[in-house]
PDB file of all heavy atoms in Angstrom:
ATOM      1  N   ARG A   1     -63.083  79.022-110.670  1.00  0.00           N
ATOM      2  CA  ARG A   1     -62.353  79.750-109.623  1.00  0.00           C
ATOM      3  C   ARG A   1     -63.300  80.396-108.603  1.00  0.00           C
ATOM      4  O   ARG A   1     -63.100  80.421-107.361  1.00  0.00           O
ATOM      5  CB  ARG A   1     -61.551  80.892-110.290  1.00  0.00           C
ATOM      6  CG  ARG A   1     -60.648  81.698-109.314  1.00  0.00           C
ATOM      7  CD  ARG A   1     -59.790  82.633-110.096  1.00  0.00           C
ATOM      8  NE  ARG A   1     -60.682  83.584-110.852  1.00  0.00           N
ATOM      9  CZ  ARG A   1     -60.653  83.717-112.176  1.00  0.00           C
ATOM     10  NH1 ARG A   1     -60.023  82.815-112.969  1.00  0.00           N
ATOM     11  NH2 ARG A   1     -61.382  84.629-112.843  1.00  0.00           N
ATOM     12  N   GLU A   2     -64.463  80.957-109.035  1.00  0.00           N
ATOM     13  CA  GLU A   2     -65.344  81.649-108.167  1.00  0.00           C
ATOM     14  C   GLU A   2     -65.925  80.684-107.075  1.00  0.00           C
ATOM     15  O   GLU A   2     -66.169  81.075-105.955  1.00  0.00           O
ATOM     16  CB  GLU A   2     -66.503  82.248-108.980  1.00  0.00           C
ATOM     17  CG  GLU A   2     -66.102  83.566-109.658  1.00  0.00           C
ATOM     18  CD  GLU A   2     -65.712  84.628-108.668  1.00  0.00           C
ATOM     19  OE1 GLU A   2     -66.427  84.842-107.671  1.00  0.00           O
ATOM     20  OE2 GLU A   2     -64.594  85.292-108.892  1.00  0.00           O
ATOM     21  N   ALA A   3     -66.149  79.447-107.524  1.00  0.00           N
ATOM     22  CA  ALA A   3     -66.749  78.467-106.495  1.00  0.00           C
ATOM     23  C   ALA A   3     -65.526  77.845-105.716  1.00  0.00           C
ATOM     24  O   ALA A   3     -65.930  76.996-104.817  1.00  0.00           O
ATOM     25  CB  ALA A   3     -67.527  77.383-107.279  1.00  0.00           C
ATOM     26  N   MET A   4     -64.325  78.218-106.014  1.00  0.00           N
ATOM     27  CA  MET A   4     -63.214  77.646-105.287  1.00  0.00           C
ATOM     28  C   MET A   4     -63.315  76.107-105.277  1.00  0.00           C
ATOM     29  O   MET A   4     -63.090  75.395-104.293  1.00  0.00           O
ATOM     30  CB  MET A   4     -63.095  78.208-103.845  1.00  0.00           C
ATOM     31  CG  MET A   4     -62.807  79.611-103.866  1.00  0.00           C
ATOM     32  SD  MET A   4     -62.513  80.301-102.155  1.00  0.00           S
ATOM     33  CE  MET A   4     -61.066  79.610-101.718  1.00  0.00           C
ATOM     34  N   VAL A   5     -63.527  75.516-106.493  1.00  0.00           N
ATOM     35  CA  VAL A   5     -63.644  74.088-106.678  1.00  0.00           C
ATOM     36  C   VAL A   5     -62.263  73.361-106.554  1.00  0.00           C
ATOM     37  O   VAL A   5     -61.334  73.843-107.094  1.00  0.00           O
ATOM     38  CB  VAL A   5     -64.244  73.684-108.064  1.00  0.00           C
ATOM     39  CG1 VAL A   5     -64.233  72.235-108.255  1.00  0.00           C
ATOM     40  CG2 VAL A   5     -65.688  74.223-108.098  1.00  0.00           C
ATOM     41  N   ASP A   6     -62.241  72.283-105.724  1.00  0.00           N
ATOM     42  CA  ASP A   6     -60.975  71.468-105.582  1.00  0.00           C
ATOM     43  C   ASP A   6     -61.187  70.323-106.616  1.00  0.00           C
ATOM     44  O   ASP A   6     -62.146  69.551-106.452  1.00  0.00           O
ATOM     45  CB  ASP A   6     -60.822  70.872-104.177  1.00  0.00           C
ATOM     46  CG  ASP A   6     -60.373  71.947-103.228  1.00  0.00           C
ATOM     47  OD1 ASP A   6     -59.803  72.945-103.683  1.00  0.00           O
ATOM     48  OD2 ASP A   6     -60.559  71.764-102.050  1.00  0.00           O
ATOM     49  N   LEU A   7     -60.353  70.276-107.665  1.00  0.00           N
ATOM     50  CA  LEU A   7     -60.359  69.184-108.590  1.00  0.00           C
ATOM     51  C   LEU A   7     -59.381  68.144-108.179  1.00  0.00           C
ATOM     52  O   LEU A   7     -58.202  68.442-108.202  1.00  0.00           O
ATOM     53  CB  LEU A   7     -60.170  69.696-110.028  1.00  0.00           C
ATOM     54  CG  LEU A   7     -60.116  68.596-111.105  1.00  0.00           C
ATOM     55  CD1 LEU A   7     -61.426  67.911-111.139  1.00  0.00           C
ATOM     56  CD2 LEU A   7     -59.770  69.303-112.489  1.00  0.00           C
ATOM     57  N   LEU A   8     -59.825  66.910-107.796  1.00  0.00           N
ATOM     58  CA  LEU A   8     -58.998  65.949-107.127  1.00  0.00           C
ATOM     59  C   LEU A   8     -58.864  64.705-108.052  1.00  0.00           C
ATOM     60  O   LEU A   8     -59.983  64.012-108.261  1.00  0.00           O
ATOM     61  CB  LEU A   8     -59.533  65.544-105.743  1.00  0.00           C
ATOM     62  CG  LEU A   8     -59.734  66.652-104.758  1.00  0.00           C
ATOM     63  CD1 LEU A   8     -60.465  66.205-103.601  1.00  0.00           C
ATOM     64  CD2 LEU A   8     -58.433  67.311-104.380  1.00  0.00           C
ATOM     65  N   GLY A   9     -57.713  64.346-108.536  1.00  0.00           N
ATOM     66  CA  GLY A   9     -57.555  63.161-109.241  1.00  0.00           C
ATOM     67  C   GLY A   9     -57.481  61.927-108.278  1.00  0.00           C
ATOM     68  O   GLY A   9     -57.119  62.048-107.101  1.00  0.00           O
ATOM     69  N   TYR A  10     -57.954  60.793-108.783  1.00  0.00           N
ATOM     70  CA  TYR A  10     -57.852  59.567-107.912  1.00  0.00           C
ATOM     71  C   TYR A  10     -57.632  58.372-108.779  1.00  0.00           C
ATOM     72  O   TYR A  10     -58.242  58.161-109.795  1.00  0.00           O
ATOM     73  CB  TYR A  10     -59.261  59.386-107.194  1.00  0.00           C
ATOM     74  CG  TYR A  10     -59.319  58.080-106.441  1.00  0.00           C
ATOM     75  CD1 TYR A  10     -58.879  58.036-105.099  1.00  0.00           C
ATOM     76  CD2 TYR A  10     -59.761  56.970-107.006  1.00  0.00           C
ATOM     77  CE1 TYR A  10     -58.843  56.856-104.475  1.00  0.00           C
ATOM     78  CE2 TYR A  10     -59.789  55.734-106.371  1.00  0.00           C
ATOM     79  CZ  TYR A  10     -59.279  55.711-105.006  1.00  0.00           C
ATOM     80  OH  TYR A  10     -59.285  54.484-104.386  1.00  0.00           O
ATOM     81  N   THR A  11     -56.807  57.431-108.237  1.00  0.00           N
ATOM     82  CA  THR A  11     -56.662  56.091-108.716  1.00  0.00           C
ATOM     83  C   THR A  11     -56.222  55.191-107.563  1.00  0.00           C
ATOM     84  O   THR A  11     -55.399  55.632-106.795  1.00  0.00           O
ATOM     85  CB  THR A  11     -55.656  55.953-109.859  1.00  0.00           C
ATOM     86  OG1 THR A  11     -55.573  54.600-110.359  1.00  0.00           O
ATOM     87  CG2 THR A  11     -54.295  56.468-109.483  1.00  0.00           C
ATOM     88  N   THR A  12     -56.850  54.111-107.358  1.00  0.00           N
ATOM     89  CA  THR A  12     -56.556  53.258-106.198  1.00  0.00           C
ATOM     90  C   THR A  12     -55.194  52.796-106.153  1.00  0.00           C
ATOM     91  O   THR A  12     -54.645  52.636-104.978  1.00  0.00           O
ATOM     92  CB  THR A  12     -57.538  51.983-106.226  1.00  0.00           C
ATOM     93  OG1 THR A  12     -58.923  52.483-106.248  1.00  0.00           O
ATOM     94  CG2 THR A  12     -57.388  51.202-104.936  1.00  0.00           C
ATOM     95  N   ARG A  13     -54.515  52.568-107.307  1.00  0.00           N
ATOM     96  CA  ARG A  13     -53.148  52.011-107.214  1.00  0.00           C
ATOM     97  C   ARG A  13     -52.133  52.941-106.570  1.00  0.00           C
ATOM     98  O   ARG A  13     -50.948  52.553-106.215  1.00  0.00           O
ATOM     99  CB  ARG A  13     -52.679  51.625-108.647  1.00  0.00           C
ATOM    100  CG  ARG A  13     -52.367  52.760-109.588  1.00  0.00           C
ATOM    101  CD  ARG A  13     -51.840  52.221-110.898  1.00  0.00           C
ATOM    102  NE  ARG A  13     -51.608  53.257-111.852  1.00  0.00           N
ATOM    103  CZ  ARG A  13     -52.378  53.822-112.734  1.00  0.00           C
ATOM    104  NH1 ARG A  13     -53.744  53.401-112.656  1.00  0.00           N
ATOM    105  NH2 ARG A  13     -52.064  54.693-113.567  1.00  0.00           N
ATOM    106  N   HIS A  14     -52.524  54.218-106.326  1.00  0.00           N
ATOM    107  CA  HIS A  14     -51.581  55.208-105.695  1.00  0.00           C
ATOM    108  C   HIS A  14     -52.054  55.468-104.276  1.00  0.00           C
ATOM    109  O   HIS A  14     -51.420  56.273-103.565  1.00  0.00           O
ATOM    110  CB  HIS A  14     -51.566  56.508-106.393  1.00  0.00           C
ATOM    111  CG  HIS A  14     -50.898  56.400-107.826  1.00  0.00           C
ATOM    112  ND1 HIS A  14     -49.747  55.609-108.032  1.00  0.00           N
ATOM    113  CD2 HIS A  14     -51.183  56.922-109.019  1.00  0.00           C
ATOM    114  CE1 HIS A  14     -49.474  55.626-109.337  1.00  0.00           C
ATOM    115  NE2 HIS A  14     -50.267  56.508-109.899  1.00  0.00           N
ATOM    116  N   VAL A  15     -53.055  54.761-103.717  1.00  0.00           N
ATOM    117  CA  VAL A  15     -53.469  54.908-102.391  1.00  0.00           C
ATOM    118  C   VAL A  15     -52.579  54.040-101.550  1.00  0.00           C
ATOM    119  O   VAL A  15     -52.336  52.864-101.785  1.00  0.00           O
ATOM    120  CB  VAL A  15     -54.951  54.521-102.222  1.00  0.00           C
ATOM    121  CG1 VAL A  15     -55.433  54.693-100.745  1.00  0.00           C
ATOM    122  CG2 VAL A  15     -55.813  55.343-103.142  1.00  0.00           C
ATOM    123  N   PRO A  16     -52.117  54.555-100.271  1.00  0.00           N
ATOM    124  CA  PRO A  16     -51.351  53.713 -99.412  1.00  0.00           C
ATOM    125  C   PRO A  16     -52.066  52.365 -99.094  1.00  0.00           C
ATOM    126  O   PRO A  16     -53.305  52.352 -98.889  1.00  0.00           O
ATOM    127  CB  PRO A  16     -51.132  54.588 -98.154  1.00  0.00           C
ATOM    128  CG  PRO A  16     -51.303  55.965 -98.762  1.00  0.00           C
ATOM    129  CD  PRO A  16     -52.298  55.909 -99.784  1.00  0.00           C
ATOM    130  N   GLN A  17     -51.315  51.279 -98.997  1.00  0.00           N
ATOM    131  CA  GLN A  17     -51.902  50.006 -98.783  1.00  0.00           C
ATOM    132  C   GLN A  17     -52.693  49.858 -97.543  1.00  0.00           C
ATOM    133  O   GLN A  17     -53.689  49.196 -97.440  1.00  0.00           O
ATOM    134  CB  GLN A  17     -50.766  48.913 -98.832  1.00  0.00           C
ATOM    135  CG  GLN A  17     -51.320  47.529 -98.836  1.00  0.00           C
ATOM    136  CD  GLN A  17     -52.124  47.174-100.019  1.00  0.00           C
ATOM    137  OE1 GLN A  17     -52.211  47.815-101.066  1.00  0.00           O
ATOM    138  NE2 GLN A  17     -52.796  45.961 -99.955  1.00  0.00           N
ATOM    139  N   ASP A  18     -52.223  50.579 -96.446  1.00  0.00           N
ATOM    140  CA  ASP A  18     -52.914  50.474 -95.235  1.00  0.00           C
ATOM    141  C   ASP A  18     -54.286  51.156 -95.350  1.00  0.00           C
ATOM    142  O   ASP A  18     -55.317  50.745 -94.685  1.00  0.00           O
ATOM    143  CB  ASP A  18     -52.129  51.021 -94.064  1.00  0.00           C
ATOM    144  CG  ASP A  18     -51.880  52.545 -94.253  1.00  0.00           C
ATOM    145  OD1 ASP A  18     -51.485  52.974 -95.329  1.00  0.00           O
ATOM    146  OD2 ASP A  18     -52.024  53.304 -93.249  1.00  0.00           O
ATOM    147  N   VAL A  19     -54.362  52.207 -96.132  1.00  0.00           N
ATOM    148  CA  VAL A  19     -55.612  52.861 -96.330  1.00  0.00           C
ATOM    149  C   VAL A  19     -56.656  52.012 -97.150  1.00  0.00           C
ATOM    150  O   VAL A  19     -57.790  51.935 -96.910  1.00  0.00           O
ATOM    151  CB  VAL A  19     -55.455  54.239 -97.117  1.00  0.00           C
ATOM    152  CG1 VAL A  19     -56.776  54.914 -97.490  1.00  0.00           C
ATOM    153  CG2 VAL A  19     -54.654  55.182 -96.215  1.00  0.00           C
ATOM    154  N   VAL A  20     -56.069  51.311 -98.166  1.00  0.00           N
ATOM    155  CA  VAL A  20     -56.899  50.414 -98.949  1.00  0.00           C
ATOM    156  C   VAL A  20     -57.410  49.223 -98.048  1.00  0.00           C
ATOM    157  O   VAL A  20     -58.543  48.911 -98.226  1.00  0.00           O
ATOM    158  CB  VAL A  20     -56.090  49.806-100.180  1.00  0.00           C
ATOM    159  CG1 VAL A  20     -56.881  48.828-101.014  1.00  0.00           C
ATOM    160  CG2 VAL A  20     -55.670  50.977-101.101  1.00  0.00           C
ATOM    161  N   ALA A  21     -56.545  48.640 -97.257  1.00  0.00           N
ATOM    162  CA  ALA A  21     -56.911  47.531 -96.397  1.00  0.00           C
ATOM    163  C   ALA A  21     -58.017  48.025 -95.467  1.00  0.00           C
ATOM    164  O   ALA A  21     -59.053  47.267 -95.211  1.00  0.00           O
ATOM    165  CB  ALA A  21     -55.696  47.013 -95.673  1.00  0.00           C
ATOM    166  N   ARG A  22     -57.914  49.123 -94.890  1.00  0.00           N
ATOM    167  CA  ARG A  22     -58.913  49.649 -93.976  1.00  0.00           C
ATOM    168  C   ARG A  22     -60.211  50.029 -94.666  1.00  0.00           C
ATOM    169  O   ARG A  22     -61.353  49.674 -94.180  1.00  0.00           O
ATOM    170  CB  ARG A  22     -58.401  50.922 -93.268  1.00  0.00           C
ATOM    171  CG  ARG A  22     -59.353  51.479 -92.177  1.00  0.00           C
ATOM    172  CD  ARG A  22     -58.713  52.547 -91.342  1.00  0.00           C
ATOM    173  NE  ARG A  22     -58.310  53.730 -92.093  1.00  0.00           N
ATOM    174  CZ  ARG A  22     -57.019  53.983 -92.357  1.00  0.00           C
ATOM    175  NH1 ARG A  22     -56.022  53.248 -91.922  1.00  0.00           N
ATOM    176  NH2 ARG A  22     -56.724  55.093 -93.023  1.00  0.00           N
ATOM    177  N   GLY A  23     -60.152  50.563 -95.939  1.00  0.00           N
ATOM    178  CA  GLY A  23     -61.317  50.809 -96.716  1.00  0.00           C
ATOM    179  C   GLY A  23     -62.067  49.446 -97.045  1.00  0.00           C
ATOM    180  O   GLY A  23     -63.232  49.363 -97.010  1.00  0.00           O
ATOM    181  N   TRP A  24     -61.241  48.457 -97.403  1.00  0.00           N
ATOM    182  CA  TRP A  24     -61.869  47.113 -97.736  1.00  0.00           C
ATOM    183  C   TRP A  24     -62.651  46.586 -96.548  1.00  0.00           C
ATOM    184  O   TRP A  24     -63.794  46.059 -96.624  1.00  0.00           O
ATOM    185  CB  TRP A  24     -60.814  46.163 -98.199  1.00  0.00           C
ATOM    186  CG  TRP A  24     -61.221  44.696 -98.235  1.00  0.00           C
ATOM    187  CD1 TRP A  24     -60.952  43.738 -97.253  1.00  0.00           C
ATOM    188  CD2 TRP A  24     -61.952  44.068 -99.246  1.00  0.00           C
ATOM    189  NE1 TRP A  24     -61.523  42.577 -97.647  1.00  0.00           N
ATOM    190  CE2 TRP A  24     -62.120  42.752 -98.765  1.00  0.00           C
ATOM    191  CE3 TRP A  24     -62.473  44.450-100.415  1.00  0.00           C
ATOM    192  CZ2 TRP A  24     -62.825  41.759 -99.649  1.00  0.00           C
ATOM    193  CZ3 TRP A  24     -63.150  43.550-101.281  1.00  0.00           C
ATOM    194  CH2 TRP A  24     -63.344  42.264-100.814  1.00  0.00           C
ATOM    195  N   ALA A  25     -62.008  46.627 -95.389  1.00  0.00           N
ATOM    196  CA  ALA A  25     -62.630  46.089 -94.196  1.00  0.00           C
ATOM    197  C   ALA A  25     -63.945  46.835 -93.842  1.00  0.00           C
ATOM    198  O   ALA A  25     -64.971  46.213 -93.536  1.00  0.00           O
ATOM    199  CB  ALA A  25     -61.703  46.155 -92.961  1.00  0.00           C
ATOM    200  N   GLU A  26     -63.854  48.161 -93.916  1.00  0.00           N
ATOM    201  CA  GLU A  26     -65.111  48.940 -93.680  1.00  0.00           C
ATOM    202  C   GLU A  26     -66.122  48.647 -94.705  1.00  0.00           C
ATOM    203  O   GLU A  26     -67.386  48.453 -94.363  1.00  0.00           O
ATOM    204  CB  GLU A  26     -64.714  50.408 -93.630  1.00  0.00           C
ATOM    205  CG  GLU A  26     -63.837  50.767 -92.493  1.00  0.00           C
ATOM    206  CD  GLU A  26     -63.261  52.211 -92.630  1.00  0.00           C
ATOM    207  OE1 GLU A  26     -63.363  52.776 -93.719  1.00  0.00           O
ATOM    208  OE2 GLU A  26     -62.732  52.741 -91.610  1.00  0.00           O
ATOM    209  N   LEU A  27     -65.802  48.691 -95.941  1.00  0.00           N
ATOM    210  CA  LEU A  27     -66.788  48.529 -97.037  1.00  0.00           C
ATOM    211  C   LEU A  27     -67.443  47.131 -97.013  1.00  0.00           C
ATOM    212  O   LEU A  27     -68.720  46.953 -97.085  1.00  0.00           O
ATOM    213  CB  LEU A  27     -66.179  48.719 -98.454  1.00  0.00           C
ATOM    214  CG  LEU A  27     -66.940  48.581 -99.601  1.00  0.00           C
ATOM    215  CD1 LEU A  27     -68.048  49.613 -99.662  1.00  0.00           C
ATOM    216  CD2 LEU A  27     -66.071  48.899-100.860  1.00  0.00           C
ATOM    217  N   THR A  28     -66.670  46.122 -96.797  1.00  0.00           N
ATOM    218  CA  THR A  28     -67.236  44.735 -96.702  1.00  0.00           C
ATOM    219  C   THR A  28     -68.014  44.518 -95.500  1.00  0.00           C
ATOM    220  O   THR A  28     -68.950  43.769 -95.476  1.00  0.00           O
ATOM    221  CB  THR A  28     -66.117  43.679 -96.868  1.00  0.00           C
ATOM    222  OG1 THR A  28     -65.086  43.854 -95.862  1.00  0.00           O
ATOM    223  CG2 THR A  28     -65.455  43.798 -98.205  1.00  0.00           C
ATOM    224  N   GLY A  29     -67.637  45.232 -94.418  1.00  0.00           N
ATOM    225  CA  GLY A  29     -68.452  45.075 -93.219  1.00  0.00           C
ATOM    226  C   GLY A  29     -69.821  45.661 -93.365  1.00  0.00           C
ATOM    227  O   GLY A  29     -70.812  45.093 -92.945  1.00  0.00           O
ATOM    228  N   HIS A  30     -69.912  46.812 -94.038  1.00  0.00           N
ATOM    229  CA  HIS A  30     -71.334  47.416 -94.336  1.00  0.00           C
ATOM    230  C   HIS A  30     -72.069  46.471 -95.258  1.00  0.00           C
ATOM    231  O   HIS A  30     -73.323  46.318 -95.079  1.00  0.00           O
ATOM    232  CB  HIS A  30     -71.137  48.773 -94.943  1.00  0.00           C
ATOM    233  CG  HIS A  30     -70.618  49.789 -94.004  1.00  0.00           C
ATOM    234  ND1 HIS A  30     -71.307  50.218 -92.868  1.00  0.00           N
ATOM    235  CD2 HIS A  30     -69.518  50.549 -94.014  1.00  0.00           C
ATOM    236  CE1 HIS A  30     -70.642  51.117 -92.157  1.00  0.00           C
ATOM    237  NE2 HIS A  30     -69.562  51.400 -92.872  1.00  0.00           N
ATOM    238  N   ALA A  31     -71.418  45.928 -96.274  1.00  0.00           N
ATOM    239  CA  ALA A  31     -72.050  45.034 -97.222  1.00  0.00           C
ATOM    240  C   ALA A  31     -72.584  43.717 -96.488  1.00  0.00           C
ATOM    241  O   ALA A  31     -73.685  43.325 -96.680  1.00  0.00           O
ATOM    242  CB  ALA A  31     -71.190  44.630 -98.352  1.00  0.00           C
ATOM    243  N   THR A  32     -71.759  43.221 -95.550  1.00  0.00           N
ATOM    244  CA  THR A  32     -72.183  42.021 -94.833  1.00  0.00           C
ATOM    245  C   THR A  32     -73.403  42.363 -93.987  1.00  0.00           C
ATOM    246  O   THR A  32     -74.274  41.446 -93.777  1.00  0.00           O
ATOM    247  CB  THR A  32     -71.006  41.512 -93.996  1.00  0.00           C
ATOM    248  OG1 THR A  32     -69.891  41.269 -94.759  1.00  0.00           O
ATOM    249  CG2 THR A  32     -71.374  40.260 -93.278  1.00  0.00           C
ATOM    250  N   ASP A  33     -73.494  43.518 -93.464  1.00  0.00           N
ATOM    251  CA  ASP A  33     -74.601  43.887 -92.674  1.00  0.00           C
ATOM    252  C   ASP A  33     -75.826  44.394 -93.467  1.00  0.00           C
ATOM    253  O   ASP A  33     -76.828  44.771 -92.915  1.00  0.00           O
ATOM    254  CB  ASP A  33     -74.282  44.977 -91.757  1.00  0.00           C
ATOM    255  CG  ASP A  33     -73.209  44.667 -90.669  1.00  0.00           C
ATOM    256  OD1 ASP A  33     -73.150  43.355 -90.375  1.00  0.00           O
ATOM    257  OD2 ASP A  33     -72.457  45.455 -90.094  1.00  0.00           O
ATOM    258  N   GLY A  34     -75.723  44.343 -94.816  1.00  0.00           N
ATOM    259  CA  GLY A  34     -76.856  44.606 -95.682  1.00  0.00           C
ATOM    260  C   GLY A  34     -77.052  46.041 -96.082  1.00  0.00           C
ATOM    261  O   GLY A  34     -78.085  46.409 -96.645  1.00  0.00           O
ATOM    262  N   ARG A  35     -75.998  46.902 -95.853  1.00  0.00           N
ATOM    263  CA  ARG A  35     -76.157  48.348 -96.072  1.00  0.00           C
ATOM    264  C   ARG A  35     -75.712  48.693 -97.599  1.00  0.00           C
ATOM    265  O   ARG A  35     -75.936  49.816 -97.981  1.00  0.00           O
ATOM    266  CB  ARG A  35     -75.461  49.174 -95.117  1.00  0.00           C
ATOM    267  CG  ARG A  35     -76.085  49.195 -93.686  1.00  0.00           C
ATOM    268  CD  ARG A  35     -75.385  50.137 -92.800  1.00  0.00           C
ATOM    269  NE  ARG A  35     -74.144  49.561 -92.270  1.00  0.00           N
ATOM    270  CZ  ARG A  35     -74.055  48.808 -91.136  1.00  0.00           C
ATOM    271  NH1 ARG A  35     -75.161  48.504 -90.469  1.00  0.00           N
ATOM    272  NH2 ARG A  35     -72.912  48.389 -90.742  1.00  0.00           N
ATOM    273  N   ILE A  36     -74.994  47.737 -98.223  1.00  0.00           N
ATOM    274  CA  ILE A  36     -74.638  48.021 -99.571  1.00  0.00           C
ATOM    275  C   ILE A  36     -74.868  46.805-100.362  1.00  0.00           C
ATOM    276  O   ILE A  36     -74.413  45.686 -99.986  1.00  0.00           O
ATOM    277  CB  ILE A  36     -73.079  48.369 -99.639  1.00  0.00           C
ATOM    278  CG1 ILE A  36     -72.915  49.734 -98.965  1.00  0.00           C
ATOM    279  CG2 ILE A  36     -72.565  48.385-101.093  1.00  0.00           C
ATOM    280  CD1 ILE A  36     -71.493  50.240 -98.870  1.00  0.00           C
ATOM    281  N   ALA A  37     -75.540  46.900-101.446  1.00  0.00           N
ATOM    282  CA  ALA A  37     -75.914  45.755-102.313  1.00  0.00           C
ATOM    283  C   ALA A  37     -75.564  46.109-103.793  1.00  0.00           C
ATOM    284  O   ALA A  37     -75.624  47.241-104.186  1.00  0.00           O
ATOM    285  CB  ALA A  37     -77.418  45.429-102.203  1.00  0.00           C
ATOM    286  N   VAL A  38     -75.274  44.958-104.563  1.00  0.00           N
ATOM    287  CA  VAL A  38     -74.959  45.163-105.948  1.00  0.00           C
ATOM    288  C   VAL A  38     -75.620  43.976-106.749  1.00  0.00           C
ATOM    289  O   VAL A  38     -75.523  42.829-106.251  1.00  0.00           O
ATOM    290  CB  VAL A  38     -73.426  45.136-106.177  1.00  0.00           C
ATOM    291  CG1 VAL A  38     -73.121  45.285-107.693  1.00  0.00           C
ATOM    292  CG2 VAL A  38     -72.765  46.217-105.450  1.00  0.00           C
ATOM    293  N   GLU A  39     -76.209  44.214-107.850  1.00  0.00           N
ATOM    294  CA  GLU A  39     -76.668  43.131-108.658  1.00  0.00           C
ATOM    295  C   GLU A  39     -75.495  42.369-109.292  1.00  0.00           C
ATOM    296  O   GLU A  39     -74.685  43.089-109.907  1.00  0.00           O
ATOM    297  CB  GLU A  39     -77.594  43.594-109.698  1.00  0.00           C
ATOM    298  CG  GLU A  39     -79.064  44.079-109.176  1.00  0.00           C
ATOM    299  CD  GLU A  39     -79.907  44.412-110.373  1.00  0.00           C
ATOM    300  OE1 GLU A  39     -80.256  43.488-111.062  1.00  0.00           O
ATOM    301  OE2 GLU A  39     -80.310  45.619-110.496  1.00  0.00           O
ATOM    302  N   VAL A  40     -75.444  41.072-109.147  1.00  0.00           N
ATOM    303  CA  VAL A  40     -74.338  40.275-109.749  1.00  0.00           C
ATOM    304  C   VAL A  40     -74.848  39.309-110.738  1.00  0.00           C
ATOM    305  O   VAL A  40     -75.877  38.631-110.461  1.00  0.00           O
ATOM    306  CB  VAL A  40     -73.575  39.542-108.604  1.00  0.00           C
ATOM    307  CG1 VAL A  40     -72.493  38.565-109.175  1.00  0.00           C
ATOM    308  CG2 VAL A  40     -73.016  40.497-107.574  1.00  0.00           C
ATOM    309  N   GLU A  41     -74.201  39.238-111.916  1.00  0.00           N
ATOM    310  CA  GLU A  41     -74.536  38.318-112.949  1.00  0.00           C
ATOM    311  C   GLU A  41     -73.437  37.302-113.158  1.00  0.00           C
ATOM    312  O   GLU A  41     -72.378  37.700-113.515  1.00  0.00           O
ATOM    313  CB  GLU A  41     -74.880  39.119-114.214  1.00  0.00           C
ATOM    314  CG  GLU A  41     -75.350  38.224-115.381  1.00  0.00           C
ATOM    315  CD  GLU A  41     -75.776  38.955-116.594  1.00  0.00           C
ATOM    316  OE1 GLU A  41     -76.359  40.081-116.480  1.00  0.00           O
ATOM    317  OE2 GLU A  41     -75.528  38.449-117.740  1.00  0.00           O
TER     318      GLU A  41
END
């Protein structure tokens, strides 16, 4: 309470589809430009 913390639940299945689509486009754009990398096996 003293820090006035906001505890926010999150699950992608409840995010509006247009928000998910925009997030996908932004995220994959950054990855295509080399700003986000992940090791894949």
